[in-house]
Amino acid sequence: MFVAFLKFLMRWFQRLIVLAALIALGVWLFYIGREHQIFLDNKTSGNFKALEQINVSVNGGEISELMQRERDVKKVVGPKFEIRAEIFDEDGEIVSTISKEIKICFSKDIMINLPTLAAGEENFIVPAPK
């Protein structure tokens, strides 16, 4: 009788472990497979003036050429991505190049303020527009 009860408990314990593993797998797949919208914003923000021209690519994809007061949207899949930006002056010469890896976590949409990123500030991620 006691042995039958132990087998019963073991069977339920194994089922609970499999169920917990399936739930953890589902959360992990959701985390790595979620699509995010990245808004690239070249507008004046606080003390940082909009850039004359900036070329931005996300994860080595298509390059977006943004002039002053322009915004573009890119879509990425996964919890992190790399942004690469080339900043130009009034004459069309490259002033500097920035490459940064950004982690998103569970938020769906984020907006990157490019003048703040170009200035080297850490708070360049702002809430996305609704």
N, C-alpha and C. Protein backbone atom coordinates (compact mmCIF):
# COMPACT_ATOMS: atom_id res chain seq x y z
N MET A 1 0.82 -1.19 0.00
CA MET A 1 0.00 0.00 0.00
C MET A 1 0.87 1.26 0.00
N PHE A 2 1.90 1.27 0.87
CA PHE A 2 2.78 2.44 0.95
C PHE A 2 3.58 2.63 -0.34
N VAL A 3 3.99 1.52 -0.94
CA VAL A 3 4.74 1.57 -2.19
C VAL A 3 3.87 2.14 -3.32
N ALA A 4 2.62 1.77 -3.35
CA ALA A 4 1.70 2.28 -4.37
C ALA A 4 1.51 3.78 -4.20
N PHE A 5 1.43 4.22 -2.94
CA PHE A 5 1.28 5.65 -2.67
C PHE A 5 2.53 6.42 -3.11
N LEU A 6 3.72 5.88 -2.88
CA LEU A 6 4.97 6.52 -3.32
C LEU A 6 5.04 6.60 -4.84
N LYS A 7 4.61 5.56 -5.53
CA LYS A 7 4.59 5.59 -6.99
C LYS A 7 3.63 6.66 -7.49
N PHE A 8 2.48 6.77 -6.82
CA PHE A 8 1.51 7.80 -7.17
C PHE A 8 2.11 9.20 -7.00
N LEU A 9 2.79 9.43 -5.86
CA LEU A 9 3.42 10.74 -5.62
C LEU A 9 4.54 11.03 -6.63
N MET A 10 5.33 10.03 -6.95
CA MET A 10 6.42 10.20 -7.92
C MET A 10 5.87 10.57 -9.29
N ARG A 11 4.78 9.90 -9.68
CA ARG A 11 4.18 10.18 -10.98
C ARG A 11 3.70 11.64 -11.02
N TRP A 12 3.05 12.13 -9.97
CA TRP A 12 2.58 13.52 -9.94
C TRP A 12 3.75 14.51 -9.88
N PHE A 13 4.78 14.13 -9.14
CA PHE A 13 5.96 14.98 -9.06
C PHE A 13 6.62 15.11 -10.44
N GLN A 14 6.71 14.03 -11.16
CA GLN A 14 7.29 14.07 -12.51
C GLN A 14 6.42 14.91 -13.44
N ARG A 15 5.13 14.81 -13.33
CA ARG A 15 4.23 15.62 -14.16
C ARG A 15 4.37 17.10 -13.85
N LEU A 16 4.51 17.43 -12.57
CA LEU A 16 4.70 18.84 -12.20
C LEU A 16 6.02 19.40 -12.74
N ILE A 17 7.06 18.59 -12.71
CA ILE A 17 8.36 19.03 -13.24
C ILE A 17 8.26 19.26 -14.75
N VAL A 18 7.61 18.35 -15.46
CA VAL A 18 7.44 18.52 -16.92
C VAL A 18 6.61 19.76 -17.21
N LEU A 19 5.55 19.99 -16.45
CA LEU A 19 4.71 21.17 -16.64
C LEU A 19 5.49 22.45 -16.39
N ALA A 20 6.29 22.49 -15.31
CA ALA A 20 7.11 23.67 -15.02
C ALA A 20 8.14 23.90 -16.12
N ALA A 21 8.73 22.82 -16.64
CA ALA A 21 9.71 22.96 -17.73
C ALA A 21 9.04 23.50 -18.99
N LEU A 22 7.84 23.06 -19.29
CA LEU A 22 7.12 23.57 -20.47
C LEU A 22 6.76 25.04 -20.32
N ILE A 23 6.36 25.45 -19.14
CA ILE A 23 6.05 26.87 -18.90
C ILE A 23 7.32 27.71 -19.03
N ALA A 24 8.42 27.24 -18.45
CA ALA A 24 9.69 27.97 -18.56
C ALA A 24 10.14 28.06 -20.02
N LEU A 25 9.97 27.00 -20.78
CA LEU A 25 10.33 27.02 -22.20
C LEU A 25 9.47 28.03 -22.95
N GLY A 26 8.19 28.08 -22.65
CA GLY A 26 7.30 29.05 -23.30
C GLY A 26 7.70 30.49 -23.01
N VAL A 27 8.04 30.79 -21.76
CA VAL A 27 8.48 32.14 -21.39
C VAL A 27 9.78 32.48 -22.10
N TRP A 28 10.71 31.55 -22.15
CA TRP A 28 12.00 31.79 -22.82
C TRP A 28 11.81 32.04 -24.32
N LEU A 29 10.96 31.23 -24.96
CA LEU A 29 10.70 31.42 -26.40
C LEU A 29 10.01 32.76 -26.66
N PHE A 30 9.11 33.15 -25.78
CA PHE A 30 8.47 34.46 -25.90
C PHE A 30 9.51 35.57 -25.80
N TYR A 31 10.44 35.44 -24.86
CA TYR A 31 11.47 36.45 -24.62
C TYR A 31 12.40 36.60 -25.82
N ILE A 32 12.87 35.49 -26.41
CA ILE A 32 13.84 35.60 -27.50
C ILE A 32 13.18 35.82 -28.86
N GLY A 33 11.88 35.59 -28.97
CA GLY A 33 11.22 35.71 -30.26
C GLY A 33 10.32 36.91 -30.41
N ARG A 34 10.27 37.77 -29.42
CA ARG A 34 9.37 38.92 -29.46
C ARG A 34 9.89 39.98 -30.42
N GLU A 35 8.98 40.57 -31.19
CA GLU A 35 9.35 41.64 -32.12
C GLU A 35 9.17 42.99 -31.43
N HIS A 36 10.14 43.86 -31.63
CA HIS A 36 10.11 45.19 -31.03
C HIS A 36 10.17 46.25 -32.12
N GLN A 37 9.50 47.37 -31.88
CA GLN A 37 9.61 48.52 -32.78
C GLN A 37 10.60 49.50 -32.14
N ILE A 38 11.58 49.90 -32.93
CA ILE A 38 12.60 50.84 -32.48
C ILE A 38 12.37 52.14 -33.24
N PHE A 39 11.98 53.19 -32.52
CA PHE A 39 11.80 54.51 -33.14
C PHE A 39 13.12 55.26 -33.05
N LEU A 40 13.62 55.70 -34.19
CA LEU A 40 14.86 56.48 -34.26
C LEU A 40 14.47 57.94 -34.43
N ASP A 41 14.80 58.76 -33.45
CA ASP A 41 14.31 60.13 -33.39
C ASP A 41 15.47 61.12 -33.48
N ASN A 42 15.45 61.99 -34.47
CA ASN A 42 16.49 63.02 -34.63
C ASN A 42 15.86 64.40 -34.39
N LYS A 43 15.30 64.59 -33.21
CA LYS A 43 14.68 65.86 -32.84
C LYS A 43 15.38 66.42 -31.61
N THR A 44 15.31 67.72 -31.45
CA THR A 44 15.91 68.37 -30.30
C THR A 44 15.26 67.86 -29.02
N SER A 45 16.10 67.54 -28.04
CA SER A 45 15.60 67.02 -26.77
C SER A 45 16.40 67.65 -25.64
N GLY A 46 15.75 68.49 -24.87
CA GLY A 46 16.43 69.14 -23.75
C GLY A 46 17.57 70.01 -24.24
N ASN A 47 18.78 69.72 -23.78
CA ASN A 47 19.97 70.50 -24.15
C ASN A 47 20.63 70.01 -25.42
N PHE A 48 20.10 68.98 -26.04
CA PHE A 48 20.75 68.36 -27.20
C PHE A 48 20.00 68.73 -28.47
N LYS A 49 20.69 69.48 -29.34
CA LYS A 49 20.11 69.96 -30.59
C LYS A 49 20.10 68.85 -31.64
N ALA A 50 19.08 68.85 -32.48
CA ALA A 50 18.97 67.85 -33.55
C ALA A 50 20.20 67.91 -34.45
N LEU A 51 20.61 66.75 -34.94
CA LEU A 51 21.79 66.64 -35.79
C LEU A 51 21.44 67.02 -37.24
N GLU A 52 22.41 67.56 -37.96
CA GLU A 52 22.20 67.94 -39.37
C GLU A 52 21.78 66.74 -40.19
N GLN A 53 22.57 65.68 -40.11
CA GLN A 53 22.28 64.43 -40.82
C GLN A 53 22.93 63.29 -40.05
N ILE A 54 22.21 62.17 -40.00
CA ILE A 54 22.74 60.98 -39.35
C ILE A 54 22.24 59.76 -40.11
N ASN A 55 23.14 58.84 -40.38
CA ASN A 55 22.78 57.57 -41.01
C ASN A 55 22.80 56.49 -39.94
N VAL A 56 21.70 55.76 -39.82
CA VAL A 56 21.55 54.78 -38.75
C VAL A 56 21.19 53.43 -39.34
N SER A 57 21.83 52.37 -38.84
CA SER A 57 21.42 51.01 -39.20
C SER A 57 21.25 50.22 -37.91
N VAL A 58 20.28 49.33 -37.93
CA VAL A 58 19.99 48.49 -36.77
C VAL A 58 20.28 47.04 -37.17
N ASN A 59 21.15 46.39 -36.41
CA ASN A 59 21.59 45.01 -36.68
C ASN A 59 22.16 44.85 -38.08
N GLY A 60 22.83 45.85 -38.59
CA GLY A 60 23.45 45.77 -39.91
C GLY A 60 22.47 45.78 -41.06
N GLY A 61 21.24 46.17 -40.80
CA GLY A 61 20.21 46.18 -41.84
C GLY A 61 20.28 47.44 -42.70
N GLU A 62 19.15 47.76 -43.30
CA GLU A 62 19.05 48.90 -44.19
C GLU A 62 19.39 50.20 -43.45
N ILE A 63 20.14 51.08 -44.12
CA ILE A 63 20.55 52.34 -43.52
C ILE A 63 19.45 53.38 -43.68
N SER A 64 19.13 54.06 -42.58
CA SER A 64 18.15 55.15 -42.60
C SER A 64 18.90 56.46 -42.54
N GLU A 65 18.61 57.33 -43.49
CA GLU A 65 19.23 58.66 -43.51
C GLU A 65 18.22 59.63 -42.90
N LEU A 66 18.58 60.18 -41.74
CA LEU A 66 17.67 61.08 -41.03
C LEU A 66 18.25 62.49 -41.00
N MET A 67 17.46 63.44 -41.43
CA MET A 67 17.83 64.84 -41.34
C MET A 67 17.22 65.40 -40.04
N GLN A 68 17.37 66.70 -39.81
CA GLN A 68 16.82 67.31 -38.61
C GLN A 68 15.31 67.12 -38.54
N ARG A 69 14.82 66.86 -37.33
CA ARG A 69 13.39 66.72 -37.04
C ARG A 69 12.72 65.58 -37.81
N GLU A 70 13.45 64.51 -38.07
CA GLU A 70 12.88 63.34 -38.72
C GLU A 70 12.90 62.15 -37.77
N ARG A 71 12.02 61.19 -38.07
CA ARG A 71 11.90 59.98 -37.25
C ARG A 71 11.69 58.79 -38.18
N ASP A 72 12.23 57.64 -37.81
CA ASP A 72 12.06 56.42 -38.58
C ASP A 72 11.80 55.27 -37.61
N VAL A 73 11.24 54.18 -38.14
CA VAL A 73 10.92 53.02 -37.32
C VAL A 73 11.61 51.79 -37.91
N LYS A 74 12.25 51.02 -37.06
CA LYS A 74 12.86 49.75 -37.43
C LYS A 74 12.25 48.67 -36.55
N LYS A 75 12.20 47.44 -37.06
CA LYS A 75 11.70 46.32 -36.28
C LYS A 75 12.83 45.33 -36.06
N VAL A 76 12.94 44.87 -34.83
CA VAL A 76 13.95 43.86 -34.48
C VAL A 76 13.27 42.73 -33.71
N VAL A 77 13.89 41.56 -33.77
CA VAL A 77 13.39 40.40 -33.03
C VAL A 77 14.46 40.00 -32.03
N GLY A 78 14.04 39.81 -30.80
CA GLY A 78 14.96 39.37 -29.76
C GLY A 78 15.18 40.44 -28.71
N PRO A 79 15.83 40.08 -27.63
CA PRO A 79 16.00 40.99 -26.50
C PRO A 79 17.13 42.01 -26.64
N LYS A 80 17.95 41.89 -27.67
CA LYS A 80 19.03 42.87 -27.84
C LYS A 80 19.29 43.11 -29.31
N PHE A 81 19.87 44.27 -29.60
CA PHE A 81 20.21 44.62 -30.97
C PHE A 81 21.38 45.60 -30.94
N GLU A 82 21.99 45.77 -32.11
CA GLU A 82 23.12 46.70 -32.24
C GLU A 82 22.71 47.85 -33.14
N ILE A 83 23.02 49.05 -32.70
CA ILE A 83 22.74 50.24 -33.49
C ILE A 83 24.08 50.85 -33.90
N ARG A 84 24.16 51.24 -35.17
CA ARG A 84 25.37 51.87 -35.70
C ARG A 84 24.95 53.18 -36.36
N ALA A 85 25.60 54.27 -35.97
CA ALA A 85 25.23 55.59 -36.47
C ALA A 85 26.46 56.34 -36.96
N GLU A 86 26.31 56.99 -38.11
CA GLU A 86 27.35 57.86 -38.66
C GLU A 86 26.80 59.28 -38.64
N ILE A 87 27.52 60.17 -37.96
CA ILE A 87 27.07 61.55 -37.80
C ILE A 87 27.82 62.42 -38.80
N PHE A 88 27.06 63.24 -39.54
CA PHE A 88 27.63 64.12 -40.56
C PHE A 88 27.54 65.57 -40.12
N ASP A 89 28.45 66.40 -40.65
CA ASP A 89 28.38 67.84 -40.40
C ASP A 89 27.66 68.54 -41.55
N GLU A 90 27.67 69.88 -41.57
CA GLU A 90 26.97 70.65 -42.59
C GLU A 90 27.53 70.41 -43.99
N ASP A 91 28.83 70.06 -44.08
CA ASP A 91 29.49 69.85 -45.37
C ASP A 91 29.31 68.42 -45.90
N GLY A 92 28.67 67.56 -45.15
CA GLY A 92 28.47 66.19 -45.59
C GLY A 92 29.62 65.26 -45.24
N GLU A 93 30.52 65.70 -44.37
CA GLU A 93 31.65 64.89 -43.93
C GLU A 93 31.29 64.14 -42.65
N ILE A 94 31.78 62.91 -42.54
CA ILE A 94 31.51 62.13 -41.34
C ILE A 94 32.30 62.70 -40.16
N VAL A 95 31.59 63.06 -39.10
CA VAL A 95 32.21 63.60 -37.90
C VAL A 95 32.60 62.47 -36.95
N SER A 96 31.67 61.55 -36.73
CA SER A 96 31.96 60.43 -35.84
C SER A 96 31.06 59.24 -36.17
N THR A 97 31.45 58.10 -35.66
CA THR A 97 30.68 56.86 -35.83
C THR A 97 30.46 56.26 -34.45
N ILE A 98 29.22 55.86 -34.20
CA ILE A 98 28.85 55.29 -32.91
C ILE A 98 28.31 53.88 -33.15
N SER A 99 28.74 52.94 -32.33
CA SER A 99 28.21 51.58 -32.37
C SER A 99 27.90 51.16 -30.95
N LYS A 100 26.67 50.74 -30.70
CA LYS A 100 26.25 50.42 -29.34
C LYS A 100 25.29 49.24 -29.35
N GLU A 101 25.45 48.34 -28.40
CA GLU A 101 24.51 47.22 -28.22
C GLU A 101 23.51 47.60 -27.14
N ILE A 102 22.23 47.38 -27.44
CA ILE A 102 21.16 47.78 -26.53
C ILE A 102 20.32 46.56 -26.18
N LYS A 103 19.99 46.42 -24.89
CA LYS A 103 19.12 45.34 -24.42
C LYS A 103 17.75 45.94 -24.11
N ILE A 104 16.70 45.24 -24.54
CA ILE A 104 15.35 45.79 -24.44
C ILE A 104 14.55 45.18 -23.29
N CYS A 105 14.71 43.93 -22.99
CA CYS A 105 13.91 43.17 -22.02
C CYS A 105 12.51 42.94 -22.55
N PHE A 106 11.48 43.23 -21.76
CA PHE A 106 10.12 42.87 -22.14
C PHE A 106 9.32 44.01 -22.75
N SER A 107 9.85 45.23 -22.81
CA SER A 107 9.08 46.34 -23.38
C SER A 107 8.90 46.13 -24.89
N LYS A 108 7.75 46.51 -25.41
CA LYS A 108 7.42 46.27 -26.82
C LYS A 108 8.09 47.29 -27.72
N ASP A 109 7.92 48.57 -27.43
CA ASP A 109 8.43 49.65 -28.27
C ASP A 109 9.34 50.56 -27.45
N ILE A 110 10.42 51.03 -28.09
CA ILE A 110 11.27 52.03 -27.46
C ILE A 110 11.61 53.09 -28.49
N MET A 111 12.01 54.27 -28.00
CA MET A 111 12.45 55.33 -28.89
C MET A 111 13.86 55.74 -28.47
N ILE A 112 14.74 55.86 -29.46
CA ILE A 112 16.12 56.26 -29.22
C ILE A 112 16.29 57.69 -29.71
N ASN A 113 16.64 58.58 -28.79
CA ASN A 113 16.90 59.96 -29.15
C ASN A 113 18.34 60.05 -29.64
N LEU A 114 18.50 60.24 -30.95
CA LEU A 114 19.83 60.19 -31.57
C LEU A 114 20.76 61.33 -31.14
N PRO A 115 20.28 62.59 -30.96
CA PRO A 115 21.20 63.62 -30.46
C PRO A 115 21.76 63.30 -29.08
N THR A 116 20.95 62.69 -28.22
CA THR A 116 21.42 62.30 -26.88
C THR A 116 22.42 61.16 -26.98
N LEU A 117 22.17 60.21 -27.88
CA LEU A 117 23.10 59.10 -28.11
C LEU A 117 24.43 59.63 -28.63
N ALA A 118 24.37 60.59 -29.58
CA ALA A 118 25.59 61.15 -30.16
C ALA A 118 26.41 61.92 -29.13
N ALA A 119 25.72 62.49 -28.13
CA ALA A 119 26.43 63.24 -27.09
C ALA A 119 27.09 62.32 -26.07
N GLY A 120 26.79 61.02 -26.13
CA GLY A 120 27.41 60.08 -25.22
C GLY A 120 26.68 59.92 -23.91
N GLU A 121 25.48 60.43 -23.81
CA GLU A 121 24.69 60.30 -22.59
C GLU A 121 24.14 58.88 -22.47
N GLU A 122 23.85 58.46 -21.25
CA GLU A 122 23.34 57.11 -21.02
C GLU A 122 21.81 57.04 -21.10
N ASN A 123 21.13 58.16 -20.98
CA ASN A 123 19.66 58.15 -20.98
C ASN A 123 19.10 58.51 -22.36
N PHE A 124 19.57 57.85 -23.39
CA PHE A 124 19.12 58.12 -24.74
C PHE A 124 17.87 57.34 -25.12
N ILE A 125 17.45 56.39 -24.30
CA ILE A 125 16.21 55.64 -24.55
C ILE A 125 15.08 56.35 -23.82
N VAL A 126 14.07 56.76 -24.59
CA VAL A 126 12.91 57.47 -24.02
C VAL A 126 11.65 56.67 -24.32
N PRO A 127 10.55 56.97 -23.65
CA PRO A 127 9.31 56.24 -23.93
C PRO A 127 8.87 56.42 -25.38
N ALA A 128 8.34 55.35 -25.95
CA ALA A 128 7.90 55.38 -27.34
C ALA A 128 6.60 56.18 -27.46
N PRO A 129 6.38 56.80 -28.63
CA PRO A 129 5.12 57.53 -28.83
C PRO A 129 3.96 56.55 -28.89
N LYS A 130 2.80 57.03 -28.54
CA LYS A 130 1.62 56.15 -28.55
C LYS A 130 0.86 56.26 -29.83
